[in-house]
Amino acid sequence: MGRKTTIVGFSVSPTIAREYDRLSVRQGTTKSELFRRMVETYKARLDEEAYFGLQRKMAKKARTTGVFTEKEVERIVFEDR
């Protein structure tokens, strides 16, 4: 049976490496788990930024088309389905 994990290697400055070590100790976790959490947090932030970007874009479109209520938005969203 093969590995269920992959070893990832990359270079960082000594300052970042020390801070990374301190963070894992402070969080009471392994460096691997800290890295997994950091990636998940970063992905969640990207998703949130994409959501708010779409929200801004659609709000602008709604204003230009005169759609203002939740009911109007639902009608438009579901009429295409």
PDB file of N, CA and C in Angstrom:
ATOM      1  N   MET A   1       0.853  -1.180   0.000  1.00  0.00           N
ATOM      2  CA  MET A   1       0.000   0.000   0.000  1.00  0.00           C
ATOM      3  C   MET A   1       0.896   1.241   0.000  1.00  0.00           C
ATOM      4  N   GLY A   2       0.590   2.215  -0.849  1.00  0.00           N
ATOM      5  CA  GLY A   2       1.405   3.417  -0.994  1.00  0.00           C
ATOM      6  C   GLY A   2       1.137   4.454   0.080  1.00  0.00           C
ATOM      7  N   ARG A   3       1.930   5.496   0.006  1.00  0.00           N
ATOM      8  CA  ARG A   3       1.780   6.613   0.952  1.00  0.00           C
ATOM      9  C   ARG A   3       0.450   7.318   0.745  1.00  0.00           C
ATOM     10  N   LYS A   4      -0.086   7.844   1.813  1.00  0.00           N
ATOM     11  CA  LYS A   4      -1.296   8.658   1.727  1.00  0.00           C
ATOM     12  C   LYS A   4      -0.968  10.136   1.826  1.00  0.00           C
ATOM     13  N   THR A   5       0.306  10.439   1.913  1.00  0.00           N
ATOM     14  CA  THR A   5       0.750  11.828   1.972  1.00  0.00           C
ATOM     15  C   THR A   5       1.860  12.033   0.956  1.00  0.00           C
ATOM     16  N   THR A   6       2.121  13.292   0.655  1.00  0.00           N
ATOM     17  CA  THR A   6       3.203  13.667  -0.248  1.00  0.00           C
ATOM     18  C   THR A   6       4.111  14.640   0.475  1.00  0.00           C
ATOM     19  N   ILE A   7       5.383  14.453   0.321  1.00  0.00           N
ATOM     20  CA  ILE A   7       6.345  15.364   0.931  1.00  0.00           C
ATOM     21  C   ILE A   7       6.486  16.579   0.027  1.00  0.00           C
ATOM     22  N   VAL A   8       6.333  17.757   0.616  1.00  0.00           N
ATOM     23  CA  VAL A   8       6.446  19.012  -0.116  1.00  0.00           C
ATOM     24  C   VAL A   8       7.671  19.741   0.420  1.00  0.00           C
ATOM     25  N   GLY A   9       8.501  20.215  -0.474  1.00  0.00           N
ATOM     26  CA  GLY A   9       9.686  20.957  -0.047  1.00  0.00           C
ATOM     27  C   GLY A   9       9.751  22.308  -0.725  1.00  0.00           C
ATOM     28  N   PHE A  10      10.090  23.321   0.043  1.00  0.00           N
ATOM     29  CA  PHE A  10      10.265  24.666  -0.505  1.00  0.00           C
ATOM     30  C   PHE A  10      11.176  25.444   0.423  1.00  0.00           C
ATOM     31  N   SER A  11      11.716  26.526  -0.097  1.00  0.00           N
ATOM     32  CA  SER A  11      12.660  27.345   0.675  1.00  0.00           C
ATOM     33  C   SER A  11      11.997  28.617   1.177  1.00  0.00           C
ATOM     34  N   VAL A  12      12.322  28.974   2.401  1.00  0.00           N
ATOM     35  CA  VAL A  12      11.881  30.244   2.987  1.00  0.00           C
ATOM     36  C   VAL A  12      13.070  30.851   3.718  1.00  0.00           C
ATOM     37  N   SER A  13      12.944  32.104   4.042  1.00  0.00           N
ATOM     38  CA  SER A  13      14.028  32.759   4.779  1.00  0.00           C
ATOM     39  C   SER A  13      14.120  32.173   6.189  1.00  0.00           C
ATOM     40  N   PRO A  14      15.286  32.284   6.816  1.00  0.00           N
ATOM     41  CA  PRO A  14      15.427  31.799   8.193  1.00  0.00           C
ATOM     42  C   PRO A  14      14.418  32.452   9.142  1.00  0.00           C
ATOM     43  N   THR A  15      14.114  33.719   8.916  1.00  0.00           N
ATOM     44  CA  THR A  15      13.144  34.418   9.769  1.00  0.00           C
ATOM     45  C   THR A  15      11.767  33.769   9.665  1.00  0.00           C
ATOM     46  N   ILE A  16      11.344  33.491   8.447  1.00  0.00           N
ATOM     47  CA  ILE A  16      10.039  32.846   8.245  1.00  0.00           C
ATOM     48  C   ILE A  16      10.052  31.442   8.845  1.00  0.00           C
ATOM     49  N   ALA A  17      11.142  30.712   8.673  1.00  0.00           N
ATOM     50  CA  ALA A  17      11.245  29.356   9.223  1.00  0.00           C
ATOM     51  C   ALA A  17      11.108  29.373  10.742  1.00  0.00           C
ATOM     52  N   ARG A  18      11.779  30.329  11.392  1.00  0.00           N
ATOM     53  CA  ARG A  18      11.675  30.430  12.858  1.00  0.00           C
ATOM     54  C   ARG A  18      10.248  30.776  13.273  1.00  0.00           C
ATOM     55  N   GLU A  19       9.635  31.701  12.570  1.00  0.00           N
ATOM     56  CA  GLU A  19       8.257  32.090  12.893  1.00  0.00           C
ATOM     57  C   GLU A  19       7.308  30.907  12.702  1.00  0.00           C
ATOM     58  N   TYR A  20       7.528  30.148  11.648  1.00  0.00           N
ATOM     59  CA  TYR A  20       6.715  28.959  11.376  1.00  0.00           C
ATOM     60  C   TYR A  20       6.852  27.952  12.517  1.00  0.00           C
ATOM     61  N   ASP A  21       8.080  27.724  12.968  1.00  0.00           N
ATOM     62  CA  ASP A  21       8.314  26.831  14.107  1.00  0.00           C
ATOM     63  C   ASP A  21       7.594  27.343  15.349  1.00  0.00           C
ATOM     64  N   ARG A  22       7.719  28.646  15.619  1.00  0.00           N
ATOM     65  CA  ARG A  22       7.058  29.240  16.792  1.00  0.00           C
ATOM     66  C   ARG A  22       5.539  29.090  16.707  1.00  0.00           C
ATOM     67  N   LEU A  23       5.001  29.312  15.515  1.00  0.00           N
ATOM     68  CA  LEU A  23       3.551  29.185  15.352  1.00  0.00           C
ATOM     69  C   LEU A  23       3.074  27.763  15.627  1.00  0.00           C
ATOM     70  N   SER A  24       3.805  26.780  15.135  1.00  0.00           N
ATOM     71  CA  SER A  24       3.372  25.399  15.360  1.00  0.00           C
ATOM     72  C   SER A  24       3.421  25.045  16.844  1.00  0.00           C
ATOM     73  N   VAL A  25       4.450  25.533  17.535  1.00  0.00           N
ATOM     74  CA  VAL A  25       4.541  25.291  18.982  1.00  0.00           C
ATOM     75  C   VAL A  25       3.406  26.009  19.697  1.00  0.00           C
ATOM     76  N   ARG A  26       3.190  27.274  19.344  1.00  0.00           N
ATOM     77  CA  ARG A  26       2.141  28.072  19.986  1.00  0.00           C
ATOM     78  C   ARG A  26       0.759  27.463  19.766  1.00  0.00           C
ATOM     79  N   GLN A  27       0.545  26.887  18.590  1.00  0.00           N
ATOM     80  CA  GLN A  27      -0.739  26.264  18.291  1.00  0.00           C
ATOM     81  C   GLN A  27      -0.832  24.840  18.834  1.00  0.00           C
ATOM     82  N   GLY A  28       0.281  24.314  19.290  1.00  0.00           N
ATOM     83  CA  GLY A  28       0.288  22.954  19.834  1.00  0.00           C
ATOM     84  C   GLY A  28       0.023  21.910  18.762  1.00  0.00           C
ATOM     85  N   THR A  29       0.578  22.127  17.581  1.00  0.00           N
ATOM     86  CA  THR A  29       0.332  21.225  16.466  1.00  0.00           C
ATOM     87  C   THR A  29       1.633  20.943  15.726  1.00  0.00           C
ATOM     88  N   THR A  30       1.595  19.977  14.855  1.00  0.00           N
ATOM     89  CA  THR A  30       2.776  19.701  14.039  1.00  0.00           C
ATOM     90  C   THR A  30       2.886  20.747  12.937  1.00  0.00           C
ATOM     91  N   LYS A  31       4.069  20.843  12.370  1.00  0.00           N
ATOM     92  CA  LYS A  31       4.252  21.777  11.257  1.00  0.00           C
ATOM     93  C   LYS A  31       3.416  21.345  10.053  1.00  0.00           C
ATOM     94  N   SER A  32       3.255  20.050   9.879  1.00  0.00           N
ATOM     95  CA  SER A  32       2.424  19.555   8.776  1.00  0.00           C
ATOM     96  C   SER A  32       0.971  19.984   8.950  1.00  0.00           C
ATOM     97  N   GLU A  33       0.448  19.823  10.157  1.00  0.00           N
ATOM     98  CA  GLU A  33      -0.938  20.220  10.419  1.00  0.00           C
ATOM     99  C   GLU A  33      -1.097  21.727  10.291  1.00  0.00           C
ATOM    100  N   LEU A  34      -0.123  22.485  10.765  1.00  0.00           N
ATOM    101  CA  LEU A  34      -0.172  23.935  10.621  1.00  0.00           C
ATOM    102  C   LEU A  34      -0.227  24.316   9.145  1.00  0.00           C
ATOM    103  N   PHE A  35       0.581  23.662   8.324  1.00  0.00           N
ATOM    104  CA  PHE A  35       0.579  23.954   6.889  1.00  0.00           C
ATOM    105  C   PHE A  35      -0.785  23.636   6.278  1.00  0.00           C
ATOM    106  N   ARG A  36      -1.370  22.485   6.642  1.00  0.00           N
ATOM    107  CA  ARG A  36      -2.701  22.127   6.123  1.00  0.00           C
ATOM    108  C   ARG A  36      -3.728  23.184   6.511  1.00  0.00           C
ATOM    109  N   ARG A  37      -3.680  23.635   7.756  1.00  0.00           N
ATOM    110  CA  ARG A  37      -4.615  24.675   8.209  1.00  0.00           C
ATOM    111  C   ARG A  37      -4.407  25.980   7.445  1.00  0.00           C
ATOM    112  N   MET A  38      -3.138  26.319   7.208  1.00  0.00           N
ATOM    113  CA  MET A  38      -2.840  27.555   6.481  1.00  0.00           C
ATOM    114  C   MET A  38      -3.400  27.491   5.062  1.00  0.00           C
ATOM    115  N   VAL A  39      -3.244  26.348   4.406  1.00  0.00           N
ATOM    116  CA  VAL A  39      -3.764  26.194   3.045  1.00  0.00           C
ATOM    117  C   VAL A  39      -5.288  26.281   3.052  1.00  0.00           C
ATOM    118  N   GLU A  40      -5.936  25.612   3.992  1.00  0.00           N
ATOM    119  CA  GLU A  40      -7.400  25.665   4.067  1.00  0.00           C
ATOM    120  C   GLU A  40      -7.891  27.085   4.339  1.00  0.00           C
ATOM    121  N   THR A  41      -7.207  27.798   5.222  1.00  0.00           N
ATOM    122  CA  THR A  41      -7.569  29.186   5.518  1.00  0.00           C
ATOM    123  C   THR A  41      -7.405  30.061   4.288  1.00  0.00           C
ATOM    124  N   TYR A  42      -6.323  29.860   3.564  1.00  0.00           N
ATOM    125  CA  TYR A  42      -6.067  30.638   2.351  1.00  0.00           C
ATOM    126  C   TYR A  42      -7.139  30.357   1.296  1.00  0.00           C
ATOM    127  N   LYS A  43      -7.482  29.078   1.115  1.00  0.00           N
ATOM    128  CA  LYS A  43      -8.529  28.720   0.155  1.00  0.00           C
ATOM    129  C   LYS A  43      -9.862  29.351   0.541  1.00  0.00           C
ATOM    130  N   ALA A  44     -10.191  29.327   1.818  1.00  0.00           N
ATOM    131  CA  ALA A  44     -11.446  29.924   2.280  1.00  0.00           C
ATOM    132  C   ALA A  44     -11.457  31.422   2.007  1.00  0.00           C
ATOM    133  N   ARG A  45     -10.330  32.063   2.209  1.00  0.00           N
ATOM    134  CA  ARG A  45     -10.253  33.507   1.940  1.00  0.00           C
ATOM    135  C   ARG A  45     -10.428  33.802   0.452  1.00  0.00           C
ATOM    136  N   LEU A  46      -9.811  32.998  -0.407  1.00  0.00           N
ATOM    137  CA  LEU A  46      -9.990  33.178  -1.849  1.00  0.00           C
ATOM    138  C   LEU A  46     -11.449  32.993  -2.251  1.00  0.00           C
ATOM    139  N   ASP A  47     -12.097  31.974  -1.677  1.00  0.00           N
ATOM    140  CA  ASP A  47     -13.518  31.747  -1.964  1.00  0.00           C
ATOM    141  C   ASP A  47     -14.360  32.931  -1.513  1.00  0.00           C
ATOM    142  N   GLU A  48     -14.042  33.459  -0.336  1.00  0.00           N
ATOM    143  CA  GLU A  48     -14.779  34.610   0.183  1.00  0.00           C
ATOM    144  C   GLU A  48     -14.584  35.833  -0.708  1.00  0.00           C
ATOM    145  N   GLU A  49     -13.351  36.066  -1.143  1.00  0.00           N
ATOM    146  CA  GLU A  49     -13.079  37.194  -2.031  1.00  0.00           C
ATOM    147  C   GLU A  49     -13.822  37.035  -3.356  1.00  0.00           C
ATOM    148  N   ALA A  50     -13.863  35.813  -3.881  1.00  0.00           N
ATOM    149  CA  ALA A  50     -14.588  35.560  -5.131  1.00  0.00           C
ATOM    150  C   ALA A  50     -16.080  35.810  -4.933  1.00  0.00           C
ATOM    151  N   TYR A  51     -16.617  35.366  -3.800  1.00  0.00           N
ATOM    152  CA  TYR A  51     -18.031  35.571  -3.499  1.00  0.00           C
ATOM    153  C   TYR A  51     -18.365  37.059  -3.433  1.00  0.00           C
ATOM    154  N   PHE A  52     -17.557  37.821  -2.693  1.00  0.00           N
ATOM    155  CA  PHE A  52     -17.832  39.254  -2.572  1.00  0.00           C
ATOM    156  C   PHE A  52     -17.623  39.980  -3.897  1.00  0.00           C
ATOM    157  N   GLY A  53     -16.671  39.516  -4.699  1.00  0.00           N
ATOM    158  CA  GLY A  53     -16.486  40.099  -6.027  1.00  0.00           C
ATOM    159  C   GLY A  53     -17.702  39.871  -6.902  1.00  0.00           C
ATOM    160  N   LEU A  54     -18.225  38.655  -6.867  1.00  0.00           N
ATOM    161  CA  LEU A  54     -19.439  38.340  -7.623  1.00  0.00           C
ATOM    162  C   LEU A  54     -20.623  39.137  -7.093  1.00  0.00           C
ATOM    163  N   GLN A  55     -20.692  39.276  -5.784  1.00  0.00           N
ATOM    164  CA  GLN A  55     -21.776  40.046  -5.177  1.00  0.00           C
ATOM    165  C   GLN A  55     -21.728  41.501  -5.640  1.00  0.00           C
ATOM    166  N   ARG A  56     -20.540  42.098  -5.673  1.00  0.00           N
ATOM    167  CA  ARG A  56     -20.409  43.481  -6.152  1.00  0.00           C
ATOM    168  C   ARG A  56     -20.818  43.597  -7.620  1.00  0.00           C
ATOM    169  N   LYS A  57     -20.345  42.649  -8.423  1.00  0.00           N
ATOM    170  CA  LYS A  57     -20.664  42.661  -9.856  1.00  0.00           C
ATOM    171  C   LYS A  57     -22.168  42.551 -10.079  1.00  0.00           C
ATOM    172  N   MET A  58     -22.795  41.634  -9.372  1.00  0.00           N
ATOM    173  CA  MET A  58     -24.226  41.420  -9.566  1.00  0.00           C
ATOM    174  C   MET A  58     -25.045  42.567  -8.974  1.00  0.00           C
ATOM    175  N   ALA A  59     -24.564  43.184  -7.908  1.00  0.00           N
ATOM    176  CA  ALA A  59     -25.270  44.341  -7.344  1.00  0.00           C
ATOM    177  C   ALA A  59     -25.272  45.481  -8.351  1.00  0.00           C
ATOM    178  N   LYS A  60     -24.146  45.672  -9.014  1.00  0.00           N
ATOM    179  CA  LYS A  60     -24.063  46.716 -10.044  1.00  0.00           C
ATOM    180  C   LYS A  60     -25.028  46.404 -11.186  1.00  0.00           C
ATOM    181  N   LYS A  61     -25.046  45.149 -11.606  1.00  0.00           N
ATOM    182  CA  LYS A  61     -25.957  44.740 -12.681  1.00  0.00           C
ATOM    183  C   LYS A  61     -27.408  44.914 -12.253  1.00  0.00           C
ATOM    184  N   ALA A  62     -27.699  44.578 -11.010  1.00  0.00           N
ATOM    185  CA  ALA A  62     -29.067  44.720 -10.502  1.00  0.00           C
ATOM    186  C   ALA A  62     -29.494  46.179 -10.516  1.00  0.00           C
ATOM    187  N   ARG A  63     -28.588  47.070 -10.124  1.00  0.00           N
ATOM    188  CA  ARG A  63     -28.928  48.497 -10.132  1.00  0.00           C
ATOM    189  C   ARG A  63     -29.212  48.991 -11.545  1.00  0.00           C
ATOM    190  N   THR A  64     -28.414  48.542 -12.516  1.00  0.00           N
ATOM    191  CA  THR A  64     -28.608  49.017 -13.889  1.00  0.00           C
ATOM    192  C   THR A  64     -29.860  48.435 -14.534  1.00  0.00           C
ATOM    193  N   THR A  65     -30.314  47.284 -14.051  1.00  0.00           N
ATOM    194  CA  THR A  65     -31.527  46.681 -14.620  1.00  0.00           C
ATOM    195  C   THR A  65     -32.768  46.980 -13.791  1.00  0.00           C
ATOM    196  N   GLY A  66     -32.588  47.649 -12.668  1.00  0.00           N
ATOM    197  CA  GLY A  66     -33.728  48.020 -11.836  1.00  0.00           C
ATOM    198  C   GLY A  66     -34.227  46.914 -10.926  1.00  0.00           C
ATOM    199  N   VAL A  67     -33.419  45.912 -10.673  1.00  0.00           N
ATOM    200  CA  VAL A  67     -33.796  44.824  -9.769  1.00  0.00           C
ATOM    201  C   VAL A  67     -33.293  45.188  -8.378  1.00  0.00           C
ATOM    202  N   PHE A  68     -34.206  45.270  -7.425  1.00  0.00           N
ATOM    203  CA  PHE A  68     -33.799  45.721  -6.095  1.00  0.00           C
ATOM    204  C   PHE A  68     -34.228  44.804  -4.952  1.00  0.00           C
ATOM    205  N   THR A  69     -35.280  44.028  -5.136  1.00  0.00           N
ATOM    206  CA  THR A  69     -35.766  43.221  -4.018  1.00  0.00           C
ATOM    207  C   THR A  69     -35.259  41.788  -4.112  1.00  0.00           C
ATOM    208  N   GLU A  70     -35.270  41.125  -2.980  1.00  0.00           N
ATOM    209  CA  GLU A  70     -34.872  39.722  -2.918  1.00  0.00           C
ATOM    210  C   GLU A  70     -35.795  38.875  -3.790  1.00  0.00           C
ATOM    211  N   LYS A  71     -37.059  39.198  -3.777  1.00  0.00           N
ATOM    212  CA  LYS A  71     -38.043  38.454  -4.570  1.00  0.00           C
ATOM    213  C   LYS A  71     -37.729  38.575  -6.065  1.00  0.00           C
ATOM    214  N   GLU A  72     -37.348  39.765  -6.512  1.00  0.00           N
ATOM    215  CA  GLU A  72     -36.985  39.964  -7.920  1.00  0.00           C
ATOM    216  C   GLU A  72     -35.726  39.174  -8.271  1.00  0.00           C
ATOM    217  N   VAL A  73     -34.775  39.171  -7.363  1.00  0.00           N
ATOM    218  CA  VAL A  73     -33.543  38.417  -7.594  1.00  0.00           C
ATOM    219  C   VAL A  73     -33.863  36.932  -7.710  1.00  0.00           C
ATOM    220  N   GLU A  74     -34.662  36.401  -6.797  1.00  0.00           N
ATOM    221  CA  GLU A  74     -35.039  34.988  -6.840  1.00  0.00           C
ATOM    222  C   GLU A  74     -35.746  34.651  -8.146  1.00  0.00           C
ATOM    223  N   ARG A  75     -36.640  35.517  -8.584  1.00  0.00           N
ATOM    224  CA  ARG A  75     -37.366  35.278  -9.832  1.00  0.00           C
ATOM    225  C   ARG A  75     -36.386  35.170 -10.996  1.00  0.00           C
ATOM    226  N   ILE A  76     -35.438  36.086 -11.065  1.00  0.00           N
ATOM    227  CA  ILE A  76     -34.471  36.083 -12.160  1.00  0.00           C
ATOM    228  C   ILE A  76     -33.569  34.852 -12.088  1.00  0.00           C
ATOM    229  N   VAL A  77     -33.115  34.521 -10.896  1.00  0.00           N
ATOM    230  CA  VAL A  77     -32.218  33.372 -10.734  1.00  0.00           C
ATOM    231  C   VAL A  77     -32.921  32.085 -11.125  1.00  0.00           C
ATOM    232  N   PHE A  78     -34.151  31.907 -10.674  1.00  0.00           N
ATOM    233  CA  PHE A  78     -34.828  30.636 -10.880  1.00  0.00           C
ATOM    234  C   PHE A  78     -35.559  30.533 -12.209  1.00  0.00           C
ATOM    235  N   GLU A  79     -35.775  31.627 -12.917  1.00  0.00           N
ATOM    236  CA  GLU A  79     -36.457  31.515 -14.205  1.00  0.00           C
ATOM    237  C   GLU A  79     -35.552  30.899 -15.265  1.00  0.00           C
ATOM    238  N   ASP A  80     -34.247  30.968 -15.074  1.00  0.00           N
ATOM    239  CA  ASP A  80     -33.320  30.345 -16.021  1.00  0.00           C
ATOM    240  C   ASP A  80     -33.102  28.866 -15.740  1.00  0.00           C
ATOM    241  N   ARG A  81     -33.601  28.366 -14.648  1.00  0.00           N
ATOM    242  CA  ARG A  81     -33.357  26.956 -14.286  1.00  0.00           C
ATOM    243  C   ARG A  81     -34.415  26.055 -14.804  1.00  0.00           C
TER     244      ARG A  81
END
